[in-house]
Amino acid sequence: MLDTVKDWLEDLAIVANENKKQAKVNGNKYIWYSSQKNKDIKRKFSQEGERLASAGRRIAARSSGDSSGGEWLYDLTLREFDQNNRFLGVPLVVEIELSDPKPRGLIYDFNKLLQSDSDNKVFIFQQKDAFEFENMVKYFDISFSAYNHKLKSKFLVACWLTSKYEFTYKFYPEATECS
């Protein structure tokens, strides 16, 4: 699933870069502001996530951008239900922190994801360049290694590099259960 999530982010990056090129052609400047980026990510993940439903199972997205329900523990949660509307689990949780590039707030949101029992966890943030991304990854590596994982899960960290107008990624190996 995380490869699919990465594809969703790459789709968004393509649109952002097309918007930037078109603005330049028109003599304007385009900035993919954090607030819009946050909305775009939530919209894309909600729409695409709900398409992952399979026979007899429904996927429902819940995000802090959803006016009908609001945030459900995380910035975006994909919940799975059976044909009788019984809650089966959470195939994906996402934390998005685009407004605060400082380590303290980023680590706080990253750590929130560690406690989730979701099979797939995604943390999205932004930094100016790859050097700043790598510095943050050092903090995340320490947290990921220190955490006493109760369930197997997969983890993707995605960072929007504002200087390059692209995402960069780190996949964490599948966390294994600890006793």
C-alpha atoms as a PDB file:
ATOM      1  CA  MET A   1       0.000   0.000   0.000  1.00  0.00           C
ATOM      2  CA  LEU A   2       2.814   2.438   0.743  1.00  0.00           C
ATOM      3  CA  ASP A   3       4.011   2.288  -2.854  1.00  0.00           C
ATOM      4  CA  THR A   4       0.493   3.364  -3.843  1.00  0.00           C
ATOM      5  CA  VAL A   5       0.603   6.208  -1.311  1.00  0.00           C
ATOM      6  CA  LYS A   6       3.934   7.318  -2.768  1.00  0.00           C
ATOM      7  CA  ASP A   7       2.281   7.369  -6.211  1.00  0.00           C
ATOM      8  CA  TRP A   8      -0.482   9.623  -4.847  1.00  0.00           C
ATOM      9  CA  LEU A   9       2.146  12.049  -3.544  1.00  0.00           C
ATOM     10  CA  GLU A  10       3.998  11.972  -6.852  1.00  0.00           C
ATOM     11  CA  ASP A  11       0.723  12.811  -8.640  1.00  0.00           C
ATOM     12  CA  LEU A  12       0.343  15.838  -6.383  1.00  0.00           C
ATOM     13  CA  ALA A  13       3.938  16.911  -7.041  1.00  0.00           C
ATOM     14  CA  ILE A  14       3.315  16.734 -10.791  1.00  0.00           C
ATOM     15  CA  VAL A  15       0.272  18.997 -10.455  1.00  0.00           C
ATOM     16  CA  ALA A  16       2.202  21.456  -8.266  1.00  0.00           C
ATOM     17  CA  ASN A  17       5.029  21.623 -10.783  1.00  0.00           C
ATOM     18  CA  GLU A  18       2.599  22.044 -13.691  1.00  0.00           C
ATOM     19  CA  ASN A  19       0.910  24.897 -11.807  1.00  0.00           C
ATOM     20  CA  LYS A  20       4.307  26.487 -11.194  1.00  0.00           C
ATOM     21  CA  LYS A  21       5.290  26.202 -14.887  1.00  0.00           C
ATOM     22  CA  GLN A  22       1.954  27.606 -16.053  1.00  0.00           C
ATOM     23  CA  ALA A  23       2.224  30.538 -13.669  1.00  0.00           C
ATOM     24  CA  LYS A  24       5.722  31.288 -14.978  1.00  0.00           C
ATOM     25  CA  VAL A  25       4.445  31.213 -18.584  1.00  0.00           C
ATOM     26  CA  ASN A  26       1.796  33.740 -17.543  1.00  0.00           C
ATOM     27  CA  GLY A  27       4.401  35.924 -15.820  1.00  0.00           C
ATOM     28  CA  ASN A  28       3.251  34.992 -12.338  1.00  0.00           C
ATOM     29  CA  LYS A  29       4.777  33.248  -9.387  1.00  0.00           C
ATOM     30  CA  TYR A  30       3.204  30.074  -7.983  1.00  0.00           C
ATOM     31  CA  ILE A  31       3.710  28.826  -4.460  1.00  0.00           C
ATOM     32  CA  TRP A  32       2.076  25.642  -3.221  1.00  0.00           C
ATOM     33  CA  TYR A  33       1.271  27.050   0.207  1.00  0.00           C
ATOM     34  CA  SER A  34       1.200  24.716   3.206  1.00  0.00           C
ATOM     35  CA  SER A  35      -2.524  25.178   3.836  1.00  0.00           C
ATOM     36  CA  GLN A  36      -3.371  24.284   0.231  1.00  0.00           C
ATOM     37  CA  LYS A  37      -0.863  21.441   0.216  1.00  0.00           C
ATOM     38  CA  ASN A  38      -2.499  20.016   3.343  1.00  0.00           C
ATOM     39  CA  LYS A  39      -5.964  20.190   1.751  1.00  0.00           C
ATOM     40  CA  ASP A  40      -4.739  18.690  -1.512  1.00  0.00           C
ATOM     41  CA  ILE A  41      -3.060  15.775   0.264  1.00  0.00           C
ATOM     42  CA  LYS A  42      -6.139  15.020   2.353  1.00  0.00           C
ATOM     43  CA  ARG A  43      -8.451  15.252  -0.650  1.00  0.00           C
ATOM     44  CA  LYS A  44      -6.239  12.990  -2.785  1.00  0.00           C
ATOM     45  CA  PHE A  45      -5.744  10.417  -0.034  1.00  0.00           C
ATOM     46  CA  SER A  46      -9.463  10.388   0.818  1.00  0.00           C
ATOM     47  CA  GLN A  47     -10.576   9.948  -2.788  1.00  0.00           C
ATOM     48  CA  GLU A  48      -7.954   7.378  -3.712  1.00  0.00           C
ATOM     49  CA  GLY A  49      -8.190   5.551  -0.392  1.00  0.00           C
ATOM     50  CA  GLU A  50     -11.920   4.998  -0.729  1.00  0.00           C
ATOM     51  CA  ARG A  51     -11.304   3.457  -4.157  1.00  0.00           C
ATOM     52  CA  LEU A  52      -9.315   0.685  -2.467  1.00  0.00           C
ATOM     53  CA  ALA A  53     -12.525  -0.994  -1.313  1.00  0.00           C
ATOM     54  CA  SER A  54     -12.878  -4.635  -2.279  1.00  0.00           C
ATOM     55  CA  ALA A  55     -15.770  -7.095  -2.500  1.00  0.00           C
ATOM     56  CA  GLY A  56     -17.758  -6.932   0.716  1.00  0.00           C
ATOM     57  CA  ARG A  57     -15.492  -4.317   2.253  1.00  0.00           C
ATOM     58  CA  ARG A  58     -15.799  -0.566   2.315  1.00  0.00           C
ATOM     59  CA  ILE A  59     -13.042   1.960   2.980  1.00  0.00           C
ATOM     60  CA  ALA A  60     -14.053   5.236   4.578  1.00  0.00           C
ATOM     61  CA  ALA A  61     -11.714   8.206   4.902  1.00  0.00           C
ATOM     62  CA  ARG A  62     -11.814  10.501   7.881  1.00  0.00           C
ATOM     63  CA  SER A  63      -9.672  13.599   7.982  1.00  0.00           C
ATOM     64  CA  SER A  64      -9.329  16.916   9.734  1.00  0.00           C
ATOM     65  CA  GLY A  65     -10.306  18.442   6.383  1.00  0.00           C
ATOM     66  CA  ASP A  66     -13.629  16.587   6.397  1.00  0.00           C
ATOM     67  CA  SER A  67     -16.345  19.032   7.397  1.00  0.00           C
ATOM     68  CA  SER A  68     -18.766  16.216   8.245  1.00  0.00           C
ATOM     69  CA  GLY A  69     -16.734  14.530  10.930  1.00  0.00           C
ATOM     70  CA  GLY A  70     -13.406  16.136  11.612  1.00  0.00           C
ATOM     71  CA  GLU A  71     -10.144  14.566  12.608  1.00  0.00           C
ATOM     72  CA  TRP A  72     -10.298  11.057  14.012  1.00  0.00           C
ATOM     73  CA  LEU A  73      -7.115  10.630  16.064  1.00  0.00           C
ATOM     74  CA  TYR A  74      -4.854  11.388  13.099  1.00  0.00           C
ATOM     75  CA  ASP A  75      -4.859  13.943  10.287  1.00  0.00           C
ATOM     76  CA  LEU A  76      -6.205  11.279   7.955  1.00  0.00           C
ATOM     77  CA  THR A  77      -7.461   7.794   8.726  1.00  0.00           C
ATOM     78  CA  LEU A  78      -8.689   5.154   6.301  1.00  0.00           C
ATOM     79  CA  ARG A  79     -11.090   2.844   8.128  1.00  0.00           C
ATOM     80  CA  GLU A  80     -12.326  -0.474   6.817  1.00  0.00           C
ATOM     81  CA  PHE A  81     -15.849  -1.849   7.298  1.00  0.00           C
ATOM     82  CA  ASP A  82     -17.543  -5.067   6.220  1.00  0.00           C
ATOM     83  CA  GLN A  83     -20.842  -5.313   4.313  1.00  0.00           C
ATOM     84  CA  ASN A  84     -22.739  -5.058   7.623  1.00  0.00           C
ATOM     85  CA  ASN A  85     -20.888  -1.839   8.484  1.00  0.00           C
ATOM     86  CA  ARG A  86     -18.825  -3.513  11.225  1.00  0.00           C
ATOM     87  CA  PHE A  87     -15.524  -1.816  11.838  1.00  0.00           C
ATOM     88  CA  LEU A  88     -12.681  -4.120  10.773  1.00  0.00           C
ATOM     89  CA  GLY A  89      -9.609  -1.992  11.195  1.00  0.00           C
ATOM     90  CA  VAL A  90      -7.439   0.841   9.999  1.00  0.00           C
ATOM     91  CA  PRO A  91      -5.393   0.107   6.881  1.00  0.00           C
ATOM     92  CA  LEU A  92      -3.784   3.578   6.832  1.00  0.00           C
ATOM     93  CA  VAL A  93      -3.112   6.503   9.140  1.00  0.00           C
ATOM     94  CA  VAL A  94      -1.434   9.740   8.097  1.00  0.00           C
ATOM     95  CA  GLU A  95       0.028  12.631  10.051  1.00  0.00           C
ATOM     96  CA  ILE A  96       0.749  15.826   8.129  1.00  0.00           C
ATOM     97  CA  GLU A  97       2.878  18.596   9.614  1.00  0.00           C
ATOM     98  CA  LEU A  98       3.565  21.312   7.079  1.00  0.00           C
ATOM     99  CA  SER A  99       3.376  24.448   9.189  1.00  0.00           C
ATOM    100  CA  ASP A 100       6.157  23.770  11.711  1.00  0.00           C
ATOM    101  CA  PRO A 101       9.528  22.598  10.354  1.00  0.00           C
ATOM    102  CA  LYS A 102      11.131  22.410  13.815  1.00  0.00           C
ATOM    103  CA  PRO A 103      12.178  19.032  15.227  1.00  0.00           C
ATOM    104  CA  ARG A 104      10.069  19.156  18.402  1.00  0.00           C
ATOM    105  CA  GLY A 105       6.690  19.373  16.635  1.00  0.00           C
ATOM    106  CA  LEU A 106       7.695  16.959  13.891  1.00  0.00           C
ATOM    107  CA  ILE A 107       8.891  14.328  16.357  1.00  0.00           C
ATOM    108  CA  TYR A 108       5.666  14.718  18.354  1.00  0.00           C
ATOM    109  CA  ASP A 109       3.536  13.889  15.289  1.00  0.00           C
ATOM    110  CA  PHE A 110       5.891  11.120  14.160  1.00  0.00           C
ATOM    111  CA  ASN A 111       5.641   9.519  17.594  1.00  0.00           C
ATOM    112  CA  LYS A 112       1.830   9.699  17.446  1.00  0.00           C
ATOM    113  CA  LEU A 113       1.981   7.416  14.431  1.00  0.00           C
ATOM    114  CA  LEU A 114       4.168   4.875  16.195  1.00  0.00           C
ATOM    115  CA  GLN A 115       1.363   4.058  18.649  1.00  0.00           C
ATOM    116  CA  SER A 116      -1.191   3.359  15.924  1.00  0.00           C
ATOM    117  CA  ASP A 117      -2.175  -0.237  15.237  1.00  0.00           C
ATOM    118  CA  SER A 118      -2.621   0.545  11.540  1.00  0.00           C
ATOM    119  CA  ASP A 119      -0.875  -1.723   9.047  1.00  0.00           C
ATOM    120  CA  ASN A 120       0.448   1.341   7.175  1.00  0.00           C
ATOM    121  CA  LYS A 121       1.624   4.628   8.619  1.00  0.00           C
ATOM    122  CA  VAL A 122       2.599   7.762   6.713  1.00  0.00           C
ATOM    123  CA  PHE A 123       4.233  10.917   8.016  1.00  0.00           C
ATOM    124  CA  ILE A 124       4.318  13.934   5.696  1.00  0.00           C
ATOM    125  CA  PHE A 125       6.255  17.108   6.437  1.00  0.00           C
ATOM    126  CA  GLN A 126       8.344  19.678   4.605  1.00  0.00           C
ATOM    127  CA  GLN A 127      11.837  21.061   4.790  1.00  0.00           C
ATOM    128  CA  LYS A 128      13.827  23.429   2.633  1.00  0.00           C
ATOM    129  CA  ASP A 129      16.295  20.863   1.279  1.00  0.00           C
ATOM    130  CA  ALA A 130      17.564  17.289   1.433  1.00  0.00           C
ATOM    131  CA  PHE A 131      20.133  18.158   4.123  1.00  0.00           C
ATOM    132  CA  GLU A 132      17.353  19.290   6.491  1.00  0.00           C
ATOM    133  CA  PHE A 133      15.338  16.180   5.588  1.00  0.00           C
ATOM    134  CA  GLU A 134      18.276  13.908   6.452  1.00  0.00           C
ATOM    135  CA  ASN A 135      18.746  15.719   9.769  1.00  0.00           C
ATOM    136  CA  MET A 136      15.099  15.063  10.660  1.00  0.00           C
ATOM    137  CA  VAL A 137      15.371  11.428   9.596  1.00  0.00           C
ATOM    138  CA  LYS A 138      18.081  10.977  12.238  1.00  0.00           C
ATOM    139  CA  TYR A 139      15.527  11.931  14.914  1.00  0.00           C
ATOM    140  CA  PHE A 140      12.887   9.664  13.372  1.00  0.00           C
ATOM    141  CA  ASP A 141      15.331   6.741  13.217  1.00  0.00           C
ATOM    142  CA  ILE A 142      15.993   7.057  16.941  1.00  0.00           C
ATOM    143  CA  SER A 143      12.270   7.149  17.752  1.00  0.00           C
ATOM    144  CA  PHE A 144      11.479   4.251  15.414  1.00  0.00           C
ATOM    145  CA  SER A 145      14.238   2.086  16.891  1.00  0.00           C
ATOM    146  CA  ALA A 146      13.404   2.929  20.490  1.00  0.00           C
ATOM    147  CA  TYR A 147       9.673   2.266  20.221  1.00  0.00           C
ATOM    148  CA  ASN A 148       8.433  -1.097  21.506  1.00  0.00           C
ATOM    149  CA  HIS A 149       6.361  -2.091  18.463  1.00  0.00           C
ATOM    150  CA  LYS A 150       3.384  -4.276  19.433  1.00  0.00           C
ATOM    151  CA  LEU A 151       2.248  -5.094  15.891  1.00  0.00           C
ATOM    152  CA  LYS A 152       3.779  -5.478  12.462  1.00  0.00           C
ATOM    153  CA  SER A 153       3.396  -2.358  10.362  1.00  0.00           C
ATOM    154  CA  LYS A 154       4.944  -0.491   7.455  1.00  0.00           C
ATOM    155  CA  PHE A 155       6.045   3.119   7.673  1.00  0.00           C
ATOM    156  CA  LEU A 156       6.681   5.815   5.070  1.00  0.00           C
ATOM    157  CA  VAL A 157       8.128   9.252   5.744  1.00  0.00           C
ATOM    158  CA  ALA A 158       7.559  11.763   2.928  1.00  0.00           C
ATOM    159  CA  CYS A 159       9.109  15.218   2.880  1.00  0.00           C
ATOM    160  CA  TRP A 160       8.241  18.040   0.499  1.00  0.00           C
ATOM    161  CA  LEU A 161      11.482  19.814  -0.355  1.00  0.00           C
ATOM    162  CA  THR A 162      10.479  23.422  -0.869  1.00  0.00           C
ATOM    163  CA  SER A 163      13.698  24.310  -2.710  1.00  0.00           C
ATOM    164  CA  LYS A 164      13.283  21.505  -5.279  1.00  0.00           C
ATOM    165  CA  TYR A 165       9.486  21.287  -5.488  1.00  0.00           C
ATOM    166  CA  GLU A 166       9.511  17.539  -4.990  1.00  0.00           C
ATOM    167  CA  PHE A 167       8.951  14.860  -2.392  1.00  0.00           C
ATOM    168  CA  THR A 168      11.703  12.692  -1.007  1.00  0.00           C
ATOM    169  CA  TYR A 169      11.051   9.531   0.974  1.00  0.00           C
ATOM    170  CA  LYS A 170      12.228   7.099   3.557  1.00  0.00           C
ATOM    171  CA  PHE A 171      10.609   3.702   3.904  1.00  0.00           C
ATOM    172  CA  TYR A 172      11.121   2.080   7.278  1.00  0.00           C
ATOM    173  CA  PRO A 173      11.462  -1.657   7.258  1.00  0.00           C
ATOM    174  CA  GLU A 174       8.441  -3.495   8.526  1.00  0.00           C
ATOM    175  CA  ALA A 175       8.311  -3.035  12.271  1.00  0.00           C
ATOM    176  CA  THR A 176       8.117  -6.392  13.956  1.00  0.00           C
ATOM    177  CA  GLU A 177       6.358  -7.324  17.115  1.00  0.00           C
ATOM    178  CA  CYS A 178       8.305  -7.042  20.330  1.00  0.00           C
ATOM    179  CA  SER A 179       7.444  -8.754  23.571  1.00  0.00           C
END
